[in-house]
Amino acid sequence: MKSKKKHVDPIPDEFASYEEAAEFWDTHDTTDYPEAFKTVKVKTELRKRHFEVEVEAELMRQLRKRAQQKGIPTKRLVNDMLRRQISLAA
């Protein structure tokens, strides 16, 4: 049984637009072009951590409404409220 080699189109030297590049990569597999890519080292630092906490739907509606009334993001309102509660409990 003969093995068939996969035909791989060459990567164009330039694309006329982002749309043309997107269409090319939408229809081609990057793993067919290992010579076109190189490994790079990346160093990142997390500046903020985000936590997920389940909140009852009605409570969330009230929080959003109050934040909107104050003209601030909901996450800021929640953080401010939690900070006050923790300082009162200390």
PDB file of N, CA and C in Angstrom:
ATOM      1  N   MET A   1       0.839  -1.181   0.000  1.00  0.00           N
ATOM      2  CA  MET A   1       0.000   0.000   0.000  1.00  0.00           C
ATOM      3  C   MET A   1       0.883   1.244   0.000  1.00  0.00           C
ATOM      4  N   LYS A   2       0.680   2.129  -0.943  1.00  0.00           N
ATOM      5  CA  LYS A   2       1.483   3.336  -1.038  1.00  0.00           C
ATOM      6  C   LYS A   2       0.938   4.402  -0.089  1.00  0.00           C
ATOM      7  N   SER A   3       1.867   5.152   0.526  1.00  0.00           N
ATOM      8  CA  SER A   3       1.417   6.245   1.386  1.00  0.00           C
ATOM      9  C   SER A   3       1.327   7.516   0.555  1.00  0.00           C
ATOM     10  N   LYS A   4       0.280   8.245   0.754  1.00  0.00           N
ATOM     11  CA  LYS A   4       0.084   9.491   0.025  1.00  0.00           C
ATOM     12  C   LYS A   4       0.652  10.631   0.859  1.00  0.00           C
ATOM     13  N   LYS A   5       1.469  11.454   0.224  1.00  0.00           N
ATOM     14  CA  LYS A   5       1.981  12.633   0.909  1.00  0.00           C
ATOM     15  C   LYS A   5       0.932  13.731   0.817  1.00  0.00           C
ATOM     16  N   LYS A   6       0.746  14.402   1.902  1.00  0.00           N
ATOM     17  CA  LYS A   6      -0.221  15.497   1.961  1.00  0.00           C
ATOM     18  C   LYS A   6       0.334  16.705   1.212  1.00  0.00           C
ATOM     19  N   HIS A   7      -0.471  17.284   0.351  1.00  0.00           N
ATOM     20  CA  HIS A   7      -0.067  18.503  -0.357  1.00  0.00           C
ATOM     21  C   HIS A   7      -0.218  19.687   0.596  1.00  0.00           C
ATOM     22  N   VAL A   8       0.853  20.453   0.749  1.00  0.00           N
ATOM     23  CA  VAL A   8       0.843  21.613   1.628  1.00  0.00           C
ATOM     24  C   VAL A   8       1.137  22.852   0.793  1.00  0.00           C
ATOM     25  N   ASP A   9       0.177  23.779   0.774  1.00  0.00           N
ATOM     26  CA  ASP A   9       0.368  25.035   0.048  1.00  0.00           C
ATOM     27  C   ASP A   9       1.450  25.859   0.736  1.00  0.00           C
ATOM     28  N   PRO A  10       2.271  26.563  -0.024  1.00  0.00           N
ATOM     29  CA  PRO A  10       3.259  27.434   0.605  1.00  0.00           C
ATOM     30  C   PRO A  10       2.584  28.632   1.267  1.00  0.00           C
ATOM     31  N   ILE A  11       3.200  29.120   2.318  1.00  0.00           N
ATOM     32  CA  ILE A  11       2.688  30.324   2.979  1.00  0.00           C
ATOM     33  C   ILE A  11       3.054  31.515   2.092  1.00  0.00           C
ATOM     34  N   PRO A  12       2.110  32.358   1.754  1.00  0.00           N
ATOM     35  CA  PRO A  12       2.441  33.542   0.951  1.00  0.00           C
ATOM     36  C   PRO A  12       3.471  34.416   1.665  1.00  0.00           C
ATOM     37  N   ASP A  13       4.334  35.060   0.891  1.00  0.00           N
ATOM     38  CA  ASP A  13       5.330  35.971   1.481  1.00  0.00           C
ATOM     39  C   ASP A  13       4.655  37.137   2.197  1.00  0.00           C
ATOM     40  N   GLU A  14       3.557  37.584   1.627  1.00  0.00           N
ATOM     41  CA  GLU A  14       2.791  38.676   2.232  1.00  0.00           C
ATOM     42  C   GLU A  14       1.309  38.441   1.995  1.00  0.00           C
ATOM     43  N   PHE A  15       0.511  38.970   2.903  1.00  0.00           N
ATOM     44  CA  PHE A  15      -0.942  38.938   2.742  1.00  0.00           C
ATOM     45  C   PHE A  15      -1.394  40.361   2.449  1.00  0.00           C
ATOM     46  N   ALA A  16      -2.366  40.510   1.585  1.00  0.00           N
ATOM     47  CA  ALA A  16      -2.858  41.838   1.221  1.00  0.00           C
ATOM     48  C   ALA A  16      -3.623  42.494   2.360  1.00  0.00           C
ATOM     49  N   SER A  17      -4.171  41.674   3.254  1.00  0.00           N
ATOM     50  CA  SER A  17      -4.971  42.226   4.353  1.00  0.00           C
ATOM     51  C   SER A  17      -5.015  41.214   5.491  1.00  0.00           C
ATOM     52  N   TYR A  18      -5.479  41.672   6.633  1.00  0.00           N
ATOM     53  CA  TYR A  18      -5.678  40.759   7.762  1.00  0.00           C
ATOM     54  C   TYR A  18      -6.705  39.695   7.412  1.00  0.00           C
ATOM     55  N   GLU A  19      -7.708  40.106   6.647  1.00  0.00           N
ATOM     56  CA  GLU A  19      -8.756  39.170   6.250  1.00  0.00           C
ATOM     57  C   GLU A  19      -8.190  38.042   5.386  1.00  0.00           C
ATOM     58  N   GLU A  20      -7.289  38.398   4.480  1.00  0.00           N
ATOM     59  CA  GLU A  20      -6.669  37.388   3.623  1.00  0.00           C
ATOM     60  C   GLU A  20      -5.819  36.423   4.453  1.00  0.00           C
ATOM     61  N   ALA A  21      -5.088  36.954   5.413  1.00  0.00           N
ATOM     62  CA  ALA A  21      -4.285  36.100   6.300  1.00  0.00           C
ATOM     63  C   ALA A  21      -5.195  35.197   7.120  1.00  0.00           C
ATOM     64  N   ALA A  22      -6.280  35.762   7.619  1.00  0.00           N
ATOM     65  CA  ALA A  22      -7.222  34.976   8.422  1.00  0.00           C
ATOM     66  C   ALA A  22      -7.826  33.852   7.596  1.00  0.00           C
ATOM     67  N   GLU A  23      -8.185  34.151   6.355  1.00  0.00           N
ATOM     68  CA  GLU A  23      -8.768  33.121   5.499  1.00  0.00           C
ATOM     69  C   GLU A  23      -7.757  32.004   5.216  1.00  0.00           C
ATOM     70  N   PHE A  24      -6.501  32.388   5.001  1.00  0.00           N
ATOM     71  CA  PHE A  24      -5.469  31.375   4.760  1.00  0.00           C
ATOM     72  C   PHE A  24      -5.359  30.443   5.965  1.00  0.00           C
ATOM     73  N   TRP A  25      -5.228  31.035   7.172  1.00  0.00           N
ATOM     74  CA  TRP A  25      -5.032  30.196   8.363  1.00  0.00           C
ATOM     75  C   TRP A  25      -6.310  29.479   8.786  1.00  0.00           C
ATOM     76  N   ASP A  26      -7.457  29.977   8.372  1.00  0.00           N
ATOM     77  CA  ASP A  26      -8.713  29.253   8.634  1.00  0.00           C
ATOM     78  C   ASP A  26      -8.781  27.967   7.821  1.00  0.00           C
ATOM     79  N   THR A  27      -8.059  27.937   6.703  1.00  0.00           N
ATOM     80  CA  THR A  27      -8.132  26.775   5.812  1.00  0.00           C
ATOM     81  C   THR A  27      -6.835  25.966   5.779  1.00  0.00           C
ATOM     82  N   HIS A  28      -5.865  26.310   6.619  1.00  0.00           N
ATOM     83  CA  HIS A  28      -4.588  25.600   6.672  1.00  0.00           C
ATOM     84  C   HIS A  28      -4.235  25.299   8.127  1.00  0.00           C
ATOM     85  N   ASP A  29      -3.434  24.290   8.327  1.00  0.00           N
ATOM     86  CA  ASP A  29      -3.055  23.834   9.662  1.00  0.00           C
ATOM     87  C   ASP A  29      -1.624  24.277   9.964  1.00  0.00           C
ATOM     88  N   THR A  30      -1.435  25.003  11.044  1.00  0.00           N
ATOM     89  CA  THR A  30      -0.097  25.487  11.391  1.00  0.00           C
ATOM     90  C   THR A  30       0.899  24.344  11.619  1.00  0.00           C
ATOM     91  N   THR A  31       0.405  23.171  11.991  1.00  0.00           N
ATOM     92  CA  THR A  31       1.320  22.044  12.216  1.00  0.00           C
ATOM     93  C   THR A  31       1.938  21.538  10.919  1.00  0.00           C
ATOM     94  N   ASP A  32       1.408  21.969   9.779  1.00  0.00           N
ATOM     95  CA  ASP A  32       2.003  21.611   8.494  1.00  0.00           C
ATOM     96  C   ASP A  32       3.184  22.518   8.145  1.00  0.00           C
ATOM     97  N   TYR A  33       3.440  23.534   8.966  1.00  0.00           N
ATOM     98  CA  TYR A  33       4.485  24.520   8.680  1.00  0.00           C
ATOM     99  C   TYR A  33       5.424  24.704   9.875  1.00  0.00           C
ATOM    100  N   PRO A  34       6.035  23.644  10.375  1.00  0.00           N
ATOM    101  CA  PRO A  34       6.875  23.791  11.577  1.00  0.00           C
ATOM    102  C   PRO A  34       8.060  24.731  11.369  1.00  0.00           C
ATOM    103  N   GLU A  35       8.563  24.822  10.139  1.00  0.00           N
ATOM    104  CA  GLU A  35       9.717  25.691   9.872  1.00  0.00           C
ATOM    105  C   GLU A  35       9.344  27.169   9.916  1.00  0.00           C
ATOM    106  N   ALA A  36       8.076  27.484   9.874  1.00  0.00           N
ATOM    107  CA  ALA A  36       7.634  28.876   9.855  1.00  0.00           C
ATOM    108  C   ALA A  36       7.484  29.471  11.251  1.00  0.00           C
ATOM    109  N   PHE A  37       7.610  28.624  12.264  1.00  0.00           N
ATOM    110  CA  PHE A  37       7.394  29.094  13.624  1.00  0.00           C
ATOM    111  C   PHE A  37       8.615  28.801  14.476  1.00  0.00           C
ATOM    112  N   LYS A  38       8.827  29.613  15.489  1.00  0.00           N
ATOM    113  CA  LYS A  38       9.924  29.364  16.402  1.00  0.00           C
ATOM    114  C   LYS A  38       9.414  29.475  17.830  1.00  0.00           C
ATOM    115  N   THR A  39      10.079  28.764  18.706  1.00  0.00           N
ATOM    116  CA  THR A  39       9.738  28.797  20.120  1.00  0.00           C
ATOM    117  C   THR A  39      10.289  30.084  20.724  1.00  0.00           C
ATOM    118  N   VAL A  40       9.481  30.734  21.512  1.00  0.00           N
ATOM    119  CA  VAL A  40       9.916  31.956  22.176  1.00  0.00           C
ATOM    120  C   VAL A  40       9.737  31.804  23.675  1.00  0.00           C
ATOM    121  N   LYS A  41      10.601  32.469  24.416  1.00  0.00           N
ATOM    122  CA  LYS A  41      10.474  32.471  25.872  1.00  0.00           C
ATOM    123  C   LYS A  41       9.603  33.652  26.268  1.00  0.00           C
ATOM    124  N   VAL A  42       8.709  33.398  27.183  1.00  0.00           N
ATOM    125  CA  VAL A  42       7.801  34.437  27.641  1.00  0.00           C
ATOM    126  C   VAL A  42       7.850  34.485  29.164  1.00  0.00           C
ATOM    127  N   LYS A  43       7.983  35.676  29.677  1.00  0.00           N
ATOM    128  CA  LYS A  43       7.959  35.855  31.126  1.00  0.00           C
ATOM    129  C   LYS A  43       6.747  36.719  31.451  1.00  0.00           C
ATOM    130  N   THR A  44       5.913  36.228  32.331  1.00  0.00           N
ATOM    131  CA  THR A  44       4.726  36.986  32.707  1.00  0.00           C
ATOM    132  C   THR A  44       4.664  37.133  34.216  1.00  0.00           C
ATOM    133  N   GLU A  45       3.992  38.142  34.641  1.00  0.00           N
ATOM    134  CA  GLU A  45       3.747  38.354  36.063  1.00  0.00           C
ATOM    135  C   GLU A  45       2.264  38.637  36.247  1.00  0.00           C
ATOM    136  N   LEU A  46       1.671  37.946  37.188  1.00  0.00           N
ATOM    137  CA  LEU A  46       0.265  38.212  37.507  1.00  0.00           C
ATOM    138  C   LEU A  46       0.215  39.442  38.398  1.00  0.00           C
ATOM    139  N   ARG A  47      -0.532  40.410  37.967  1.00  0.00           N
ATOM    140  CA  ARG A  47      -0.633  41.626  38.765  1.00  0.00           C
ATOM    141  C   ARG A  47      -1.836  41.593  39.695  1.00  0.00           C
ATOM    142  N   LYS A  48      -2.888  40.958  39.260  1.00  0.00           N
ATOM    143  CA  LYS A  48      -4.090  40.833  40.079  1.00  0.00           C
ATOM    144  C   LYS A  48      -4.562  39.399  40.002  1.00  0.00           C
ATOM    145  N   ARG A  49      -5.161  38.965  41.061  1.00  0.00           N
ATOM    146  CA  ARG A  49      -5.775  37.649  41.042  1.00  0.00           C
ATOM    147  C   ARG A  49      -7.277  37.850  41.119  1.00  0.00           C
ATOM    148  N   HIS A  50      -7.984  37.019  40.415  1.00  0.00           N
ATOM    149  CA  HIS A  50      -9.438  37.099  40.414  1.00  0.00           C
ATOM    150  C   HIS A  50      -9.978  35.817  41.030  1.00  0.00           C
ATOM    151  N   PHE A  51     -11.008  35.968  41.837  1.00  0.00           N
ATOM    152  CA  PHE A  51     -11.617  34.840  42.502  1.00  0.00           C
ATOM    153  C   PHE A  51     -13.091  34.771  42.131  1.00  0.00           C
ATOM    154  N   GLU A  52     -13.586  33.575  42.071  1.00  0.00           N
ATOM    155  CA  GLU A  52     -14.981  33.384  41.726  1.00  0.00           C
ATOM    156  C   GLU A  52     -15.743  32.967  42.981  1.00  0.00           C
ATOM    157  N   VAL A  53     -16.822  33.668  43.256  1.00  0.00           N
ATOM    158  CA  VAL A  53     -17.665  33.363  44.410  1.00  0.00           C
ATOM    159  C   VAL A  53     -19.102  33.294  43.912  1.00  0.00           C
ATOM    160  N   GLU A  54     -19.804  32.252  44.292  1.00  0.00           N
ATOM    161  CA  GLU A  54     -21.207  32.136  43.886  1.00  0.00           C
ATOM    162  C   GLU A  54     -22.056  33.108  44.700  1.00  0.00           C
ATOM    163  N   VAL A  55     -22.918  33.826  43.992  1.00  0.00           N
ATOM    164  CA  VAL A  55     -23.806  34.805  44.615  1.00  0.00           C
ATOM    165  C   VAL A  55     -25.210  34.518  44.122  1.00  0.00           C
ATOM    166  N   GLU A  56     -26.178  34.599  45.045  1.00  0.00           N
ATOM    167  CA  GLU A  56     -27.570  34.371  44.653  1.00  0.00           C
ATOM    168  C   GLU A  56     -27.984  35.403  43.602  1.00  0.00           C
ATOM    169  N   ALA A  57     -28.819  34.978  42.665  1.00  0.00           N
ATOM    170  CA  ALA A  57     -29.219  35.828  41.543  1.00  0.00           C
ATOM    171  C   ALA A  57     -29.860  37.130  42.018  1.00  0.00           C
ATOM    172  N   GLU A  58     -30.767  37.070  42.977  1.00  0.00           N
ATOM    173  CA  GLU A  58     -31.439  38.286  43.450  1.00  0.00           C
ATOM    174  C   GLU A  58     -30.449  39.227  44.126  1.00  0.00           C
ATOM    175  N   LEU A  59     -29.524  38.689  44.885  1.00  0.00           N
ATOM    176  CA  LEU A  59     -28.499  39.509  45.527  1.00  0.00           C
ATOM    177  C   LEU A  59     -27.628  40.192  44.472  1.00  0.00           C
ATOM    178  N   MET A  60     -27.298  39.480  43.414  1.00  0.00           N
ATOM    179  CA  MET A  60     -26.490  40.052  42.339  1.00  0.00           C
ATOM    180  C   MET A  60     -27.241  41.177  41.639  1.00  0.00           C
ATOM    181  N   ARG A  61     -28.537  40.999  41.427  1.00  0.00           N
ATOM    182  CA  ARG A  61     -29.334  42.062  40.818  1.00  0.00           C
ATOM    183  C   ARG A  61     -29.296  43.327  41.687  1.00  0.00           C
ATOM    184  N   GLN A  62     -29.426  43.136  42.991  1.00  0.00           N
ATOM    185  CA  GLN A  62     -29.386  44.278  43.903  1.00  0.00           C
ATOM    186  C   GLN A  62     -28.016  44.952  43.901  1.00  0.00           C
ATOM    187  N   LEU A  63     -26.960  44.158  43.868  1.00  0.00           N
ATOM    188  CA  LEU A  63     -25.609  44.710  43.830  1.00  0.00           C
ATOM    189  C   LEU A  63     -25.386  45.519  42.547  1.00  0.00           C
ATOM    190  N   ARG A  64     -25.814  44.967  41.431  1.00  0.00           N
ATOM    191  CA  ARG A  64     -25.668  45.681  40.152  1.00  0.00           C
ATOM    192  C   ARG A  64     -26.446  46.992  40.159  1.00  0.00           C
ATOM    193  N   LYS A  65     -27.670  46.946  40.695  1.00  0.00           N
ATOM    194  CA  LYS A  65     -28.515  48.141  40.747  1.00  0.00           C
ATOM    195  C   LYS A  65     -27.856  49.215  41.613  1.00  0.00           C
ATOM    196  N   ARG A  66     -27.358  48.821  42.775  1.00  0.00           N
ATOM    197  CA  ARG A  66     -26.726  49.790  43.670  1.00  0.00           C
ATOM    198  C   ARG A  66     -25.451  50.356  43.041  1.00  0.00           C
ATOM    199  N   ALA A  67     -24.664  49.513  42.396  1.00  0.00           N
ATOM    200  CA  ALA A  67     -23.433  49.971  41.740  1.00  0.00           C
ATOM    201  C   ALA A  67     -23.770  50.967  40.629  1.00  0.00           C
ATOM    202  N   GLN A  68     -24.814  50.662  39.872  1.00  0.00           N
ATOM    203  CA  GLN A  68     -25.234  51.560  38.798  1.00  0.00           C
ATOM    204  C   GLN A  68     -25.673  52.905  39.368  1.00  0.00           C
ATOM    205  N   GLN A  69     -26.413  52.879  40.482  1.00  0.00           N
ATOM    206  CA  GLN A  69     -26.847  54.121  41.114  1.00  0.00           C
ATOM    207  C   GLN A  69     -25.659  54.967  41.565  1.00  0.00           C
ATOM    208  N   LYS A  70     -24.597  54.295  42.044  1.00  0.00           N
ATOM    209  CA  LYS A  70     -23.405  55.000  42.508  1.00  0.00           C
ATOM    210  C   LYS A  70     -22.462  55.359  41.358  1.00  0.00           C
ATOM    211  N   GLY A  71     -22.724  54.765  40.180  1.00  0.00           N
ATOM    212  CA  GLY A  71     -21.878  55.042  39.020  1.00  0.00           C
ATOM    213  C   GLY A  71     -20.520  54.371  39.095  1.00  0.00           C
ATOM    214  N   ILE A  72     -20.484  53.205  39.735  1.00  0.00           N
ATOM    215  CA  ILE A  72     -19.217  52.477  39.855  1.00  0.00           C
ATOM    216  C   ILE A  72     -19.416  51.037  39.377  1.00  0.00           C
ATOM    217  N   PRO A  73     -18.329  50.349  39.015  1.00  0.00           N
ATOM    218  CA  PRO A  73     -18.454  48.946  38.618  1.00  0.00           C
ATOM    219  C   PRO A  73     -18.914  48.080  39.787  1.00  0.00           C
ATOM    220  N   THR A  74     -19.652  47.043  39.487  1.00  0.00           N
ATOM    221  CA  THR A  74     -20.152  46.134  40.523  1.00  0.00           C
ATOM    222  C   THR A  74     -19.017  45.549  41.340  1.00  0.00           C
ATOM    223  N   LYS A  75     -17.906  45.168  40.689  1.00  0.00           N
ATOM    224  CA  LYS A  75     -16.799  44.564  41.429  1.00  0.00           C
ATOM    225  C   LYS A  75     -16.209  45.540  42.446  1.00  0.00           C
ATOM    226  N   ARG A  76     -16.212  46.843  42.121  1.00  0.00           N
ATOM    227  CA  ARG A  76     -15.700  47.832  43.083  1.00  0.00           C
ATOM    228  C   ARG A  76     -16.635  47.937  44.279  1.00  0.00           C
ATOM    229  N   LEU A  77     -17.930  47.980  44.016  1.00  0.00           N
ATOM    230  CA  LEU A  77     -18.910  48.035  45.097  1.00  0.00           C
ATOM    231  C   LEU A  77     -18.755  46.838  46.029  1.00  0.00           C
ATOM    232  N   VAL A  78     -18.657  45.657  45.446  1.00  0.00           N
ATOM    233  CA  VAL A  78     -18.531  44.436  46.247  1.00  0.00           C
ATOM    234  C   VAL A  78     -17.251  44.467  47.074  1.00  0.00           C
ATOM    235  N   ASN A  79     -16.136  44.858  46.453  1.00  0.00           N
ATOM    236  CA  ASN A  79     -14.877  44.932  47.194  1.00  0.00           C
ATOM    237  C   ASN A  79     -14.958  45.941  48.338  1.00  0.00           C
ATOM    238  N   ASP A  80     -15.553  47.113  48.082  1.00  0.00           N
ATOM    239  CA  ASP A  80     -15.711  48.125  49.130  1.00  0.00           C
ATOM    240  C   ASP A  80     -16.564  47.599  50.276  1.00  0.00           C
ATOM    241  N   MET A  81     -17.668  46.938  49.938  1.00  0.00           N
ATOM    242  CA  MET A  81     -18.561  46.397  50.975  1.00  0.00           C
ATOM    243  C   MET A  81     -17.845  45.325  51.808  1.00  0.00           C
ATOM    244  N   LEU A  82     -17.137  44.444  51.146  1.00  0.00           N
ATOM    245  CA  LEU A  82     -16.418  43.387  51.874  1.00  0.00           C
ATOM    246  C   LEU A  82     -15.331  43.977  52.758  1.00  0.00           C
ATOM    247  N   ARG A  83     -14.625  44.967  52.259  1.00  0.00           N
ATOM    248  CA  ARG A  83     -13.572  45.618  53.045  1.00  0.00           C
ATOM    249  C   ARG A  83     -14.166  46.230  54.329  1.00  0.00           C
ATOM    250  N   ARG A  84     -15.309  46.926  54.192  1.00  0.00           N
ATOM    251  CA  ARG A  84     -15.960  47.529  55.369  1.00  0.00           C
ATOM    252  C   ARG A  84     -16.390  46.449  56.370  1.00  0.00           C
ATOM    253  N   GLN A  85     -16.993  45.383  55.862  1.00  0.00           N
ATOM    254  CA  GLN A  85     -17.462  44.309  56.749  1.00  0.00           C
ATOM    255  C   GLN A  85     -16.298  43.653  57.497  1.00  0.00           C
ATOM    256  N   ILE A  86     -15.208  43.439  56.797  1.00  0.00           N
ATOM    257  CA  ILE A  86     -14.047  42.796  57.437  1.00  0.00           C
ATOM    258  C   ILE A  86     -13.458  43.711  58.502  1.00  0.00           C
ATOM    259  N   SER A  87     -13.378  45.016  58.229  1.00  0.00           N
ATOM    260  CA  SER A  87     -12.829  45.937  59.228  1.00  0.00           C
ATOM    261  C   SER A  87     -13.748  46.048  60.434  1.00  0.00           C
ATOM    262  N   LEU A  88     -15.066  45.946  60.235  1.00  0.00           N
ATOM    263  CA  LEU A  88     -15.997  45.973  61.376  1.00  0.00           C
ATOM    264  C   LEU A  88     -15.886  44.716  62.214  1.00  0.00           C
ATOM    265  N   ALA A  89     -15.595  43.595  61.571  1.00  0.00           N
ATOM    266  CA  ALA A  89     -15.519  42.320  62.268  1.00  0.00           C
ATOM    267  C   ALA A  89     -14.203  42.159  63.047  1.00  0.00           C
ATOM    268  N   ALA A  90     -13.215  42.972  62.714  1.00  0.00           N
ATOM    269  CA  ALA A  90     -11.887  42.835  63.342  1.00  0.00           C
ATOM    270  C   ALA A  90     -11.861  43.393  64.748  1.00  0.00           C
TER     271      ALA A  90
END
